[in-house]
Amino acid sequence: MLSGSGINFKRYFLLTGISTTILIILVARSLPDLAGIISVYIAACINQIMLARFARLFFSPAVATQRSNIDKGEVVSTFIVKGIILAAGITLGVLFMGNRVIFPIINYVFQMFALYYSLVKPLRPL
């Protein structure tokens, strides 16, 4: 199950889903805790999928040979939107969980590693 972003979504959601489920079992004490964990998880997933799609577009071989065709406004707006989405997710997590939002943020760091292991790497010619 691949998309244009080069992410194996089965592997990504399996790894991140397991870690988030374990986090919910260990940390969530109430429904607001559950809402905080899920909001940070969804914001992190959207953020990382945007990152992978953008990196695939920006670093593709066709673009690498034609650096002048890169729209700098698109680059800036993508990173601004990514920052807003992540800040909104963490803010919701803080509102729901308070100081315990550190646990979903640690899960976000784990999600970065899961994203790396879920990227589809092209075969290099010999």
PDB file of N, CA and C in Angstrom:
ATOM      1  N   MET A   1       0.851  -1.178   0.000  1.00  0.00           N
ATOM      2  CA  MET A   1       0.000   0.000   0.000  1.00  0.00           C
ATOM      3  C   MET A   1       0.893   1.235   0.000  1.00  0.00           C
ATOM      4  N   LEU A   2       1.118   1.774  -1.157  1.00  0.00           N
ATOM      5  CA  LEU A   2       2.006   2.908  -1.300  1.00  0.00           C
ATOM      6  C   LEU A   2       1.245   4.091  -1.856  1.00  0.00           C
ATOM      7  N   SER A   3       1.746   5.265  -1.602  1.00  0.00           N
ATOM      8  CA  SER A   3       1.167   6.466  -2.199  1.00  0.00           C
ATOM      9  C   SER A   3       2.291   7.232  -2.859  1.00  0.00           C
ATOM     10  N   GLY A   4       1.958   8.387  -3.385  1.00  0.00           N
ATOM     11  CA  GLY A   4       2.961   9.221  -4.031  1.00  0.00           C
ATOM     12  C   GLY A   4       3.987   9.765  -3.060  1.00  0.00           C
ATOM     13  N   SER A   5       3.705   9.670  -1.772  1.00  0.00           N
ATOM     14  CA  SER A   5       4.626  10.226  -0.785  1.00  0.00           C
ATOM     15  C   SER A   5       5.781   9.290  -0.485  1.00  0.00           C
ATOM     16  N   GLY A   6       5.694   8.039  -0.883  1.00  0.00           N
ATOM     17  CA  GLY A   6       6.760   7.094  -0.610  1.00  0.00           C
ATOM     18  C   GLY A   6       6.700   6.510   0.785  1.00  0.00           C
ATOM     19  N   ILE A   7       5.534   6.529   1.412  1.00  0.00           N
ATOM     20  CA  ILE A   7       5.361   5.971   2.749  1.00  0.00           C
ATOM     21  C   ILE A   7       4.602   4.657   2.628  1.00  0.00           C
ATOM     22  N   ASN A   8       5.095   3.641   3.298  1.00  0.00           N
ATOM     23  CA  ASN A   8       4.347   2.400   3.418  1.00  0.00           C
ATOM     24  C   ASN A   8       3.372   2.606   4.578  1.00  0.00           C
ATOM     25  N   PHE A   9       2.124   2.957   4.246  1.00  0.00           N
ATOM     26  CA  PHE A   9       1.160   3.339   5.270  1.00  0.00           C
ATOM     27  C   PHE A   9       0.795   2.185   6.196  1.00  0.00           C
ATOM     28  N   LYS A  10       0.803   0.970   5.682  1.00  0.00           N
ATOM     29  CA  LYS A  10       0.515  -0.178   6.558  1.00  0.00           C
ATOM     30  C   LYS A  10       1.540  -0.248   7.686  1.00  0.00           C
ATOM     31  N   ARG A  11       2.802  -0.158   7.330  1.00  0.00           N
ATOM     32  CA  ARG A  11       3.862  -0.232   8.327  1.00  0.00           C
ATOM     33  C   ARG A  11       3.825   0.976   9.268  1.00  0.00           C
ATOM     34  N   TYR A  12       3.597   2.170   8.706  1.00  0.00           N
ATOM     35  CA  TYR A  12       3.595   3.389   9.515  1.00  0.00           C
ATOM     36  C   TYR A  12       2.469   3.354  10.547  1.00  0.00           C
ATOM     37  N   PHE A  13       1.247   3.084  10.109  1.00  0.00           N
ATOM     38  CA  PHE A  13       0.128   3.095  11.047  1.00  0.00           C
ATOM     39  C   PHE A  13       0.155   1.900  11.994  1.00  0.00           C
ATOM     40  N   LEU A  14       0.761   0.802  11.582  1.00  0.00           N
ATOM     41  CA  LEU A  14       0.919  -0.325  12.500  1.00  0.00           C
ATOM     42  C   LEU A  14       1.880   0.049  13.628  1.00  0.00           C
ATOM     43  N   LEU A  15       3.041   0.597  13.276  1.00  0.00           N
ATOM     44  CA  LEU A  15       4.019   0.980  14.305  1.00  0.00           C
ATOM     45  C   LEU A  15       3.504   2.092  15.208  1.00  0.00           C
ATOM     46  N   THR A  16       2.940   3.137  14.614  1.00  0.00           N
ATOM     47  CA  THR A  16       2.471   4.254  15.434  1.00  0.00           C
ATOM     48  C   THR A  16       1.191   3.913  16.176  1.00  0.00           C
ATOM     49  N   GLY A  17       0.359   3.091  15.579  1.00  0.00           N
ATOM     50  CA  GLY A  17      -0.870   2.678  16.257  1.00  0.00           C
ATOM     51  C   GLY A  17      -0.593   1.834  17.482  1.00  0.00           C
ATOM     52  N   ILE A  18       0.388   0.942  17.375  1.00  0.00           N
ATOM     53  CA  ILE A  18       0.756   0.114  18.533  1.00  0.00           C
ATOM     54  C   ILE A  18       1.323   0.985  19.642  1.00  0.00           C
ATOM     55  N   SER A  19       2.206   1.927  19.294  1.00  0.00           N
ATOM     56  CA  SER A  19       2.798   2.773  20.335  1.00  0.00           C
ATOM     57  C   SER A  19       1.745   3.664  20.986  1.00  0.00           C
ATOM     58  N   THR A  20       0.810   4.170  20.205  1.00  0.00           N
ATOM     59  CA  THR A  20      -0.235   5.024  20.761  1.00  0.00           C
ATOM     60  C   THR A  20      -1.183   4.214  21.639  1.00  0.00           C
ATOM     61  N   THR A  21      -1.500   2.999  21.224  1.00  0.00           N
ATOM     62  CA  THR A  21      -2.353   2.141  22.040  1.00  0.00           C
ATOM     63  C   THR A  21      -1.692   1.822  23.376  1.00  0.00           C
ATOM     64  N   ILE A  22      -0.412   1.514  23.355  1.00  0.00           N
ATOM     65  CA  ILE A  22       0.318   1.249  24.601  1.00  0.00           C
ATOM     66  C   ILE A  22       0.318   2.494  25.477  1.00  0.00           C
ATOM     67  N   LEU A  23       0.518   3.660  24.856  1.00  0.00           N
ATOM     68  CA  LEU A  23       0.495   4.913  25.611  1.00  0.00           C
ATOM     69  C   LEU A  23      -0.870   5.143  26.255  1.00  0.00           C
ATOM     70  N   ILE A  24      -1.936   4.870  25.521  1.00  0.00           N
ATOM     71  CA  ILE A  24      -3.284   5.047  26.062  1.00  0.00           C
ATOM     72  C   ILE A  24      -3.514   4.112  27.245  1.00  0.00           C
ATOM     73  N   ILE A  25      -3.070   2.881  27.110  1.00  0.00           N
ATOM     74  CA  ILE A  25      -3.259   1.907  28.195  1.00  0.00           C
ATOM     75  C   ILE A  25      -2.485   2.330  29.440  1.00  0.00           C
ATOM     76  N   LEU A  26      -1.262   2.826  29.266  1.00  0.00           N
ATOM     77  CA  LEU A  26      -0.418   3.153  30.409  1.00  0.00           C
ATOM     78  C   LEU A  26      -0.701   4.516  31.029  1.00  0.00           C
ATOM     79  N   VAL A  27      -1.133   5.496  30.231  1.00  0.00           N
ATOM     80  CA  VAL A  27      -1.198   6.871  30.722  1.00  0.00           C
ATOM     81  C   VAL A  27      -2.619   7.399  30.906  1.00  0.00           C
ATOM     82  N   ALA A  28      -3.518   7.048  30.004  1.00  0.00           N
ATOM     83  CA  ALA A  28      -4.858   7.658  30.025  1.00  0.00           C
ATOM     84  C   ALA A  28      -5.633   7.232  31.266  1.00  0.00           C
ATOM     85  N   ARG A  29      -6.074   8.210  32.013  1.00  0.00           N
ATOM     86  CA  ARG A  29      -6.862   7.963  33.217  1.00  0.00           C
ATOM     87  C   ARG A  29      -8.332   8.321  33.017  1.00  0.00           C
ATOM     88  N   SER A  30      -8.588   9.168  32.019  1.00  0.00           N
ATOM     89  CA  SER A  30      -9.953   9.628  31.810  1.00  0.00           C
ATOM     90  C   SER A  30     -10.161   9.939  30.331  1.00  0.00           C
ATOM     91  N   LEU A  31     -11.365  10.320  29.995  1.00  0.00           N
ATOM     92  CA  LEU A  31     -11.680  10.662  28.611  1.00  0.00           C
ATOM     93  C   LEU A  31     -10.898  11.881  28.109  1.00  0.00           C
ATOM     94  N   PRO A  32     -10.694  12.928  28.915  1.00  0.00           N
ATOM     95  CA  PRO A  32      -9.854  14.041  28.435  1.00  0.00           C
ATOM     96  C   PRO A  32      -8.408  13.622  28.133  1.00  0.00           C
ATOM     97  N   ASP A  33      -7.849  12.701  28.916  1.00  0.00           N
ATOM     98  CA  ASP A  33      -6.507  12.195  28.615  1.00  0.00           C
ATOM     99  C   ASP A  33      -6.497  11.498  27.268  1.00  0.00           C
ATOM    100  N   LEU A  34      -7.521  10.707  27.025  1.00  0.00           N
ATOM    101  CA  LEU A  34      -7.637  10.001  25.750  1.00  0.00           C
ATOM    102  C   LEU A  34      -7.739  11.007  24.600  1.00  0.00           C
ATOM    103  N   ALA A  35      -8.527  12.058  24.785  1.00  0.00           N
ATOM    104  CA  ALA A  35      -8.667  13.088  23.757  1.00  0.00           C
ATOM    105  C   ALA A  35      -7.342  13.809  23.517  1.00  0.00           C
ATOM    106  N   GLY A  36      -6.580  14.065  24.571  1.00  0.00           N
ATOM    107  CA  GLY A  36      -5.280  14.716  24.422  1.00  0.00           C
ATOM    108  C   GLY A  36      -4.303  13.859  23.646  1.00  0.00           C
ATOM    109  N   ILE A  37      -4.256  12.578  23.959  1.00  0.00           N
ATOM    110  CA  ILE A  37      -3.336  11.669  23.260  1.00  0.00           C
ATOM    111  C   ILE A  37      -3.714  11.553  21.792  1.00  0.00           C
ATOM    112  N   ILE A  38      -4.999  11.403  21.520  1.00  0.00           N
ATOM    113  CA  ILE A  38      -5.453  11.258  20.138  1.00  0.00           C
ATOM    114  C   ILE A  38      -5.229  12.542  19.341  1.00  0.00           C
ATOM    115  N   SER A  39      -5.435  13.702  19.950  1.00  0.00           N
ATOM    116  CA  SER A  39      -5.231  14.958  19.214  1.00  0.00           C
ATOM    117  C   SER A  39      -3.766  15.154  18.840  1.00  0.00           C
ATOM    118  N   VAL A  40      -2.855  14.845  19.744  1.00  0.00           N
ATOM    119  CA  VAL A  40      -1.427  14.959  19.422  1.00  0.00           C
ATOM    120  C   VAL A  40      -1.046  13.922  18.368  1.00  0.00           C
ATOM    121  N   TYR A  41      -1.613  12.719  18.454  1.00  0.00           N
ATOM    122  CA  TYR A  41      -1.318  11.663  17.487  1.00  0.00           C
ATOM    123  C   TYR A  41      -1.771  12.068  16.084  1.00  0.00           C
ATOM    124  N   ILE A  42      -2.979  12.571  15.958  1.00  0.00           N
ATOM    125  CA  ILE A  42      -3.499  12.961  14.644  1.00  0.00           C
ATOM    126  C   ILE A  42      -2.696  14.125  14.071  1.00  0.00           C
ATOM    127  N   ALA A  43      -2.389  15.117  14.896  1.00  0.00           N
ATOM    128  CA  ALA A  43      -1.584  16.257  14.420  1.00  0.00           C
ATOM    129  C   ALA A  43      -0.202  15.789  13.977  1.00  0.00           C
ATOM    130  N   ALA A  44       0.395  14.871  14.716  1.00  0.00           N
ATOM    131  CA  ALA A  44       1.719  14.372  14.355  1.00  0.00           C
ATOM    132  C   ALA A  44       1.672  13.577  13.049  1.00  0.00           C
ATOM    133  N   CYS A  45       0.641  12.762  12.865  1.00  0.00           N
ATOM    134  CA  CYS A  45       0.509  11.997  11.616  1.00  0.00           C
ATOM    135  C   CYS A  45       0.362  12.928  10.417  1.00  0.00           C
ATOM    136  N   ILE A  46      -0.506  13.923  10.531  1.00  0.00           N
ATOM    137  CA  ILE A  46      -0.687  14.883   9.432  1.00  0.00           C
ATOM    138  C   ILE A  46       0.623  15.611   9.153  1.00  0.00           C
ATOM    139  N   ASN A  47       1.304  16.029  10.204  1.00  0.00           N
ATOM    140  CA  ASN A  47       2.576  16.741  10.070  1.00  0.00           C
ATOM    141  C   ASN A  47       3.603  15.875   9.352  1.00  0.00           C
ATOM    142  N   GLN A  48       3.716  14.624   9.735  1.00  0.00           N
ATOM    143  CA  GLN A  48       4.739  13.768   9.147  1.00  0.00           C
ATOM    144  C   GLN A  48       4.402  13.357   7.713  1.00  0.00           C
ATOM    145  N   ILE A  49       3.136  13.176   7.414  1.00  0.00           N
ATOM    146  CA  ILE A  49       2.759  12.854   6.036  1.00  0.00           C
ATOM    147  C   ILE A  49       3.042  14.047   5.128  1.00  0.00           C
ATOM    148  N   MET A  50       2.760  15.244   5.617  1.00  0.00           N
ATOM    149  CA  MET A  50       3.094  16.448   4.842  1.00  0.00           C
ATOM    150  C   MET A  50       4.599  16.549   4.628  1.00  0.00           C
ATOM    151  N   LEU A  51       5.368  16.242   5.665  1.00  0.00           N
ATOM    152  CA  LEU A  51       6.826  16.279   5.551  1.00  0.00           C
ATOM    153  C   LEU A  51       7.321  15.298   4.495  1.00  0.00           C
ATOM    154  N   ALA A  52       6.809  14.079   4.521  1.00  0.00           N
ATOM    155  CA  ALA A  52       7.258  13.062   3.567  1.00  0.00           C
ATOM    156  C   ALA A  52       6.863  13.424   2.142  1.00  0.00           C
ATOM    157  N   ARG A  53       5.656  13.920   1.952  1.00  0.00           N
ATOM    158  CA  ARG A  53       5.227  14.329   0.607  1.00  0.00           C
ATOM    159  C   ARG A  53       6.087  15.493   0.093  1.00  0.00           C
ATOM    160  N   PHE A  54       6.345  16.450   0.960  1.00  0.00           N
ATOM    161  CA  PHE A  54       7.138  17.598   0.561  1.00  0.00           C
ATOM    162  C   PHE A  54       8.572  17.177   0.247  1.00  0.00           C
ATOM    163  N   ALA A  55       9.153  16.343   1.081  1.00  0.00           N
ATOM    164  CA  ALA A  55      10.530  15.898   0.844  1.00  0.00           C
ATOM    165  C   ALA A  55      10.619  15.106  -0.454  1.00  0.00           C
ATOM    166  N   ARG A  56       9.628  14.281  -0.720  1.00  0.00           N
ATOM    167  CA  ARG A  56       9.620  13.503  -1.965  1.00  0.00           C
ATOM    168  C   ARG A  56       9.558  14.442  -3.172  1.00  0.00           C
ATOM    169  N   LEU A  57       8.720  15.467  -3.083  1.00  0.00           N
ATOM    170  CA  LEU A  57       8.592  16.432  -4.170  1.00  0.00           C
ATOM    171  C   LEU A  57       9.858  17.266  -4.322  1.00  0.00           C
ATOM    172  N   PHE A  58      10.386  17.739  -3.203  1.00  0.00           N
ATOM    173  CA  PHE A  58      11.515  18.654  -3.223  1.00  0.00           C
ATOM    174  C   PHE A  58      12.813  17.970  -3.640  1.00  0.00           C
ATOM    175  N   PHE A  59      13.007  16.735  -3.219  1.00  0.00           N
ATOM    176  CA  PHE A  59      14.266  16.051  -3.481  1.00  0.00           C
ATOM    177  C   PHE A  59      14.193  15.037  -4.606  1.00  0.00           C
ATOM    178  N   SER A  60      13.148  15.075  -5.402  1.00  0.00           N
ATOM    179  CA  SER A  60      13.059  14.143  -6.526  1.00  0.00           C
ATOM    180  C   SER A  60      14.149  14.477  -7.540  1.00  0.00           C
ATOM    181  N   PRO A  61      14.599  13.489  -8.290  1.00  0.00           N
ATOM    182  CA  PRO A  61      15.691  13.735  -9.247  1.00  0.00           C
ATOM    183  C   PRO A  61      15.343  14.786 -10.302  1.00  0.00           C
ATOM    184  N   ALA A  62      14.082  14.869 -10.714  1.00  0.00           N
ATOM    185  CA  ALA A  62      13.708  15.857 -11.726  1.00  0.00           C
ATOM    186  C   ALA A  62      13.872  17.270 -11.191  1.00  0.00           C
ATOM    187  N   VAL A  63      13.537  17.470  -9.927  1.00  0.00           N
ATOM    188  CA  VAL A  63      13.650  18.799  -9.329  1.00  0.00           C
ATOM    189  C   VAL A  63      15.109  19.118  -9.018  1.00  0.00           C
ATOM    190  N   ALA A  64      15.883  18.095  -8.671  1.00  0.00           N
ATOM    191  CA  ALA A  64      17.283  18.316  -8.311  1.00  0.00           C
ATOM    192  C   ALA A  64      18.079  18.903  -9.474  1.00  0.00           C
ATOM    193  N   THR A  65      17.707  18.562 -10.699  1.00  0.00           N
ATOM    194  CA  THR A  65      18.427  19.094 -11.856  1.00  0.00           C
ATOM    195  C   THR A  65      17.942  20.475 -12.249  1.00  0.00           C
ATOM    196  N   GLN A  66      16.731  20.854 -11.793  1.00  0.00           N
ATOM    197  CA  GLN A  66      16.163  22.155 -12.156  1.00  0.00           C
ATOM    198  C   GLN A  66      15.798  22.919 -10.884  1.00  0.00           C
ATOM    199  N   ARG A  67      16.778  23.366 -10.167  1.00  0.00           N
ATOM    200  CA  ARG A  67      16.558  24.051  -8.890  1.00  0.00           C
ATOM    201  C   ARG A  67      15.761  25.354  -9.040  1.00  0.00           C
ATOM    202  N   SER A  68      15.781  25.968 -10.206  1.00  0.00           N
ATOM    203  CA  SER A  68      15.095  27.242 -10.361  1.00  0.00           C
ATOM    204  C   SER A  68      13.572  27.089 -10.407  1.00  0.00           C
ATOM    205  N   ASN A  69      13.061  25.857 -10.608  1.00  0.00           N
ATOM    206  CA  ASN A  69      11.629  25.636 -10.712  1.00  0.00           C
ATOM    207  C   ASN A  69      10.942  25.478  -9.361  1.00  0.00           C
ATOM    208  N   ILE A  70      11.669  25.531  -8.279  1.00  0.00           N
ATOM    209  CA  ILE A  70      11.091  25.337  -6.951  1.00  0.00           C
ATOM    210  C   ILE A  70      10.414  26.628  -6.514  1.00  0.00           C
ATOM    211  N   ASP A  71       9.154  26.520  -6.133  1.00  0.00           N
ATOM    212  CA  ASP A  71       8.391  27.679  -5.672  1.00  0.00           C
ATOM    213  C   ASP A  71       8.711  27.924  -4.201  1.00  0.00           C
ATOM    214  N   LYS A  72       9.406  28.999  -3.919  1.00  0.00           N
ATOM    215  CA  LYS A  72       9.818  29.298  -2.546  1.00  0.00           C
ATOM    216  C   LYS A  72       8.625  29.621  -1.656  1.00  0.00           C
ATOM    217  N   GLY A  73       7.576  30.180  -2.237  1.00  0.00           N
ATOM    218  CA  GLY A  73       6.366  30.446  -1.472  1.00  0.00           C
ATOM    219  C   GLY A  73       5.710  29.166  -0.991  1.00  0.00           C
ATOM    220  N   GLU A  74       5.752  28.131  -1.831  1.00  0.00           N
ATOM    221  CA  GLU A  74       5.199  26.833  -1.442  1.00  0.00           C
ATOM    222  C   GLU A  74       6.019  26.204  -0.320  1.00  0.00           C
ATOM    223  N   VAL A  75       7.319  26.355  -0.380  1.00  0.00           N
ATOM    224  CA  VAL A  75       8.191  25.828   0.662  1.00  0.00           C
ATOM    225  C   VAL A  75       7.873  26.491   2.002  1.00  0.00           C
ATOM    226  N   VAL A  76       7.801  27.802   2.009  1.00  0.00           N
ATOM    227  CA  VAL A  76       7.531  28.547   3.241  1.00  0.00           C
ATOM    228  C   VAL A  76       6.138  28.227   3.773  1.00  0.00           C
ATOM    229  N   SER A  77       5.144  28.235   2.880  1.00  0.00           N
ATOM    230  CA  SER A  77       3.773  27.977   3.339  1.00  0.00           C
ATOM    231  C   SER A  77       3.612  26.562   3.865  1.00  0.00           C
ATOM    232  N   THR A  78       4.303  25.600   3.277  1.00  0.00           N
ATOM    233  CA  THR A  78       4.223  24.225   3.772  1.00  0.00           C
ATOM    234  C   THR A  78       4.751  24.135   5.197  1.00  0.00           C
ATOM    235  N   PHE A  79       5.891  24.752   5.461  1.00  0.00           N
ATOM    236  CA  PHE A  79       6.443  24.674   6.807  1.00  0.00           C
ATOM    237  C   PHE A  79       5.631  25.486   7.819  1.00  0.00           C
ATOM    238  N   ILE A  80       5.018  26.567   7.383  1.00  0.00           N
ATOM    239  CA  ILE A  80       4.145  27.324   8.291  1.00  0.00           C
ATOM    240  C   ILE A  80       2.917  26.490   8.653  1.00  0.00           C
ATOM    241  N   VAL A  81       2.296  25.859   7.653  1.00  0.00           N
ATOM    242  CA  VAL A  81       1.116  25.024   7.916  1.00  0.00           C
ATOM    243  C   VAL A  81       1.483  23.842   8.803  1.00  0.00           C
ATOM    244  N   LYS A  82       2.631  23.218   8.550  1.00  0.00           N
ATOM    245  CA  LYS A  82       3.083  22.106   9.389  1.00  0.00           C
ATOM    246  C   LYS A  82       3.247  22.556  10.842  1.00  0.00           C
ATOM    247  N   GLY A  83       3.836  23.720  11.037  1.00  0.00           N
ATOM    248  CA  GLY A  83       4.021  24.246  12.390  1.00  0.00           C
ATOM    249  C   GLY A  83       2.705  24.545  13.078  1.00  0.00           C
ATOM    250  N   ILE A  84       1.759  25.115  12.325  1.00  0.00           N
ATOM    251  CA  ILE A  84       0.442  25.419  12.896  1.00  0.00           C
ATOM    252  C   ILE A  84      -0.285  24.148  13.302  1.00  0.00           C
ATOM    253  N   ILE A  85      -0.244  23.134  12.458  1.00  0.00           N
ATOM    254  CA  ILE A  85      -0.921  21.868  12.771  1.00  0.00           C
ATOM    255  C   ILE A  85      -0.311  21.234  14.008  1.00  0.00           C
ATOM    256  N   LEU A  86       1.000  21.203  14.080  1.00  0.00           N
ATOM    257  CA  LEU A  86       1.653  20.605  15.235  1.00  0.00           C
ATOM    258  C   LEU A  86       1.386  21.398  16.505  1.00  0.00           C
ATOM    259  N   ALA A  87       1.444  22.718  16.421  1.00  0.00           N
ATOM    260  CA  ALA A  87       1.168  23.558  17.595  1.00  0.00           C
ATOM    261  C   ALA A  87      -0.274  23.402  18.057  1.00  0.00           C
ATOM    262  N   ALA A  88      -1.207  23.289  17.115  1.00  0.00           N
ATOM    263  CA  ALA A  88      -2.615  23.102  17.488  1.00  0.00           C
ATOM    264  C   ALA A  88      -2.821  21.763  18.193  1.00  0.00           C
ATOM    265  N   GLY A  89      -2.183  20.715  17.696  1.00  0.00           N
ATOM    266  CA  GLY A  89      -2.306  19.410  18.345  1.00  0.00           C
ATOM    267  C   GLY A  89      -1.724  19.396  19.748  1.00  0.00           C
ATOM    268  N   ILE A  90      -0.568  20.001  19.901  1.00  0.00           N
ATOM    269  CA  ILE A  90       0.057  20.041  21.227  1.00  0.00           C
ATOM    270  C   ILE A  90      -0.737  20.943  22.172  1.00  0.00           C
ATOM    271  N   THR A  91      -1.282  22.034  21.648  1.00  0.00           N
ATOM    272  CA  THR A  91      -2.108  22.906  22.486  1.00  0.00           C
ATOM    273  C   THR A  91      -3.351  22.181  22.974  1.00  0.00           C
ATOM    274  N   LEU A  92      -4.002  21.440  22.084  1.00  0.00           N
ATOM    275  CA  LEU A  92      -5.152  20.642  22.511  1.00  0.00           C
ATOM    276  C   LEU A  92      -4.742  19.606  23.554  1.00  0.00           C
ATOM    277  N   GLY A  93      -3.580  18.994  23.341  1.00  0.00           N
ATOM    278  CA  GLY A  93      -3.083  18.028  24.316  1.00  0.00           C
ATOM    279  C   GLY A  93      -2.856  18.655  25.676  1.00  0.00           C
ATOM    280  N   VAL A  94      -2.300  19.860  25.694  1.00  0.00           N
ATOM    281  CA  VAL A  94      -2.081  20.569  26.961  1.00  0.00           C
ATOM    282  C   VAL A  94      -3.416  20.914  27.616  1.00  0.00           C
ATOM    283  N   LEU A  95      -4.379  21.356  26.829  1.00  0.00           N
ATOM    284  CA  LEU A  95      -5.688  21.688  27.384  1.00  0.00           C
ATOM    285  C   LEU A  95      -6.359  20.469  28.013  1.00  0.00           C
ATOM    286  N   PHE A  96      -6.207  19.327  27.378  1.00  0.00           N
ATOM    287  CA  PHE A  96      -6.864  18.120  27.882  1.00  0.00           C
ATOM    288  C   PHE A  96      -6.074  17.439  29.004  1.00  0.00           C
ATOM    289  N   MET A  97      -4.737  17.451  28.900  1.00  0.00           N
ATOM    290  CA  MET A  97      -3.925  16.647  29.812  1.00  0.00           C
ATOM    291  C   MET A  97      -3.095  17.458  30.802  1.00  0.00           C
ATOM    292  N   GLY A  98      -2.873  18.711  30.541  1.00  0.00           N
ATOM    293  CA  GLY A  98      -2.039  19.508  31.434  1.00  0.00           C
ATOM    294  C   GLY A  98      -0.570  19.148  31.281  1.00  0.00           C
ATOM    295  N   ASN A  99       0.117  18.991  32.397  1.00  0.00           N
ATOM    296  CA  ASN A  99       1.551  18.701  32.386  1.00  0.00           C
ATOM    297  C   ASN A  99       1.886  17.314  31.850  1.00  0.00           C
ATOM    298  N   ARG A 100       0.918  16.428  31.816  1.00  0.00           N
ATOM    299  CA  ARG A 100       1.187  15.067  31.357  1.00  0.00           C
ATOM    300  C   ARG A 100       1.230  14.954  29.836  1.00  0.00           C
ATOM    301  N   VAL A 101       1.182  16.065  29.126  1.00  0.00           N
ATOM    302  CA  VAL A 101       1.246  16.049  27.675  1.00  0.00           C
ATOM    303  C   VAL A 101       2.624  15.591  27.192  1.00  0.00           C
ATOM    304  N   ILE A 102       3.583  15.514  28.072  1.00  0.00           N
ATOM    305  CA  ILE A 102       4.924  15.056  27.703  1.00  0.00           C
ATOM    306  C   ILE A 102       4.890  13.630  27.143  1.00  0.00           C
ATOM    307  N   PHE A 103       3.962  12.799  27.599  1.00  0.00           N
ATOM    308  CA  PHE A 103       3.882  11.425  27.109  1.00  0.00           C
ATOM    309  C   PHE A 103       3.491  11.361  25.629  1.00  0.00           C
ATOM    310  N   PRO A 104       2.462  12.105  25.178  1.00  0.00           N
ATOM    311  CA  PRO A 104       2.198  12.110  23.734  1.00  0.00           C
ATOM    312  C   PRO A 104       3.326  12.744  22.921  1.00  0.00           C
ATOM    313  N   ILE A 105       4.058  13.683  23.506  1.00  0.00           N
ATOM    314  CA  ILE A 105       5.173  14.286  22.777  1.00  0.00           C
ATOM    315  C   ILE A 105       6.310  13.276  22.624  1.00  0.00           C
ATOM    316  N   ILE A 106       6.546  12.475  23.634  1.00  0.00           N
ATOM    317  CA  ILE A 106       7.534  11.394  23.511  1.00  0.00           C
ATOM    318  C   ILE A 106       7.080  10.395  22.451  1.00  0.00           C
ATOM    319  N   ASN A 107       5.779  10.132  22.403  1.00  0.00           N
ATOM    320  CA  ASN A 107       5.233   9.266  21.362  1.00  0.00           C
ATOM    321  C   ASN A 107       5.451   9.879  19.980  1.00  0.00           C
ATOM    322  N   TYR A 108       5.373  11.206  19.882  1.00  0.00           N
ATOM    323  CA  TYR A 108       5.636  11.887  18.616  1.00  0.00           C
ATOM    324  C   TYR A 108       7.076  11.644  18.153  1.00  0.00           C
ATOM    325  N   VAL A 109       8.005  11.666  19.085  1.00  0.00           N
ATOM    326  CA  VAL A 109       9.401  11.374  18.737  1.00  0.00           C
ATOM    327  C   VAL A 109       9.512   9.942  18.212  1.00  0.00           C
ATOM    328  N   PHE A 110       8.814   9.018  18.855  1.00  0.00           N
ATOM    329  CA  PHE A 110       8.808   7.644  18.357  1.00  0.00           C
ATOM    330  C   PHE A 110       8.204   7.584  16.961  1.00  0.00           C
ATOM    331  N   GLN A 111       7.179   8.385  16.708  1.00  0.00           N
ATOM    332  CA  GLN A 111       6.554   8.403  15.388  1.00  0.00           C
ATOM    333  C   GLN A 111       7.534   8.854  14.311  1.00  0.00           C
ATOM    334  N   MET A 112       8.479   9.710  14.651  1.00  0.00           N
ATOM    335  CA  MET A 112       9.494  10.124  13.675  1.00  0.00           C
ATOM    336  C   MET A 112      10.335   8.927  13.252  1.00  0.00           C
ATOM    337  N   PHE A 113      10.716   8.103  14.212  1.00  0.00           N
ATOM    338  CA  PHE A 113      11.478   6.898  13.882  1.00  0.00           C
ATOM    339  C   PHE A 113      10.628   5.928  13.076  1.00  0.00           C
ATOM    340  N   ALA A 114       9.353   5.808  13.418  1.00  0.00           N
ATOM    341  CA  ALA A 114       8.448   4.933  12.669  1.00  0.00           C
ATOM    342  C   ALA A 114       8.303   5.428  11.232  1.00  0.00           C
ATOM    343  N   LEU A 115       8.257   6.749  11.047  1.00  0.00           N
ATOM    344  CA  LEU A 115       8.171   7.299   9.696  1.00  0.00           C
ATOM    345  C   LEU A 115       9.414   6.940   8.898  1.00  0.00           C
ATOM    346  N   TYR A 116      10.575   7.043   9.518  1.00  0.00           N
ATOM    347  CA  TYR A 116      11.815   6.699   8.825  1.00  0.00           C
ATOM    348  C   TYR A 116      11.799   5.237   8.376  1.00  0.00           C
ATOM    349  N   TYR A 117      11.370   4.342   9.247  1.00  0.00           N
ATOM    350  CA  TYR A 117      11.340   2.930   8.893  1.00  0.00           C
ATOM    351  C   TYR A 117      10.217   2.593   7.923  1.00  0.00           C
ATOM    352  N   SER A 118       9.252   3.488   7.749  1.00  0.00           N
ATOM    353  CA  SER A 118       8.138   3.248   6.843  1.00  0.00           C
ATOM    354  C   SER A 118       8.346   3.872   5.471  1.00  0.00           C
ATOM    355  N   LEU A 119       9.383   4.665   5.300  1.00  0.00           N
ATOM    356  CA  LEU A 119       9.643   5.258   3.995  1.00  0.00           C
ATOM    357  C   LEU A 119      10.089   4.173   3.028  1.00  0.00           C
ATOM    358  N   VAL A 120       9.600   4.270   1.822  1.00  0.00           N
ATOM    359  CA  VAL A 120       9.971   3.320   0.780  1.00  0.00           C
ATOM    360  C   VAL A 120      11.230   3.849   0.123  1.00  0.00           C
ATOM    361  N   LYS A 121      12.285   3.084   0.236  1.00  0.00           N
ATOM    362  CA  LYS A 121      13.573   3.511  -0.306  1.00  0.00           C
ATOM    363  C   LYS A 121      13.751   2.902  -1.688  1.00  0.00           C
ATOM    364  N   PRO A 122      14.085   3.723  -2.692  1.00  0.00           N
ATOM    365  CA  PRO A 122      14.288   3.180  -4.040  1.00  0.00           C
ATOM    366  C   PRO A 122      15.556   2.329  -4.093  1.00  0.00           C
ATOM    367  N   LEU A 123      15.519   1.346  -4.949  1.00  0.00           N
ATOM    368  CA  LEU A 123      16.698   0.501  -5.139  1.00  0.00           C
ATOM    369  C   LEU A 123      17.754   1.280  -5.898  1.00  0.00           C
ATOM    370  N   ARG A 124      18.989   1.150  -5.451  1.00  0.00           N
ATOM    371  CA  ARG A 124      20.096   1.840  -6.118  1.00  0.00           C
ATOM    372  C   ARG A 124      20.677   0.915  -7.190  1.00  0.00           C
ATOM    373  N   PRO A 125      20.988   1.469  -8.343  1.00  0.00           N
ATOM    374  CA  PRO A 125      21.613   0.623  -9.387  1.00  0.00           C
ATOM    375  C   PRO A 125      23.028   0.249  -9.004  1.00  0.00           C
ATOM    376  N   LEU A 126      23.450  -0.917  -9.443  1.00  0.00           N
ATOM    377  CA  LEU A 126      24.812  -1.391  -9.134  1.00  0.00           C
ATOM    378  C   LEU A 126      25.846  -0.729  -9.992  1.00  0.00           C
TER     379      LEU A 126
END
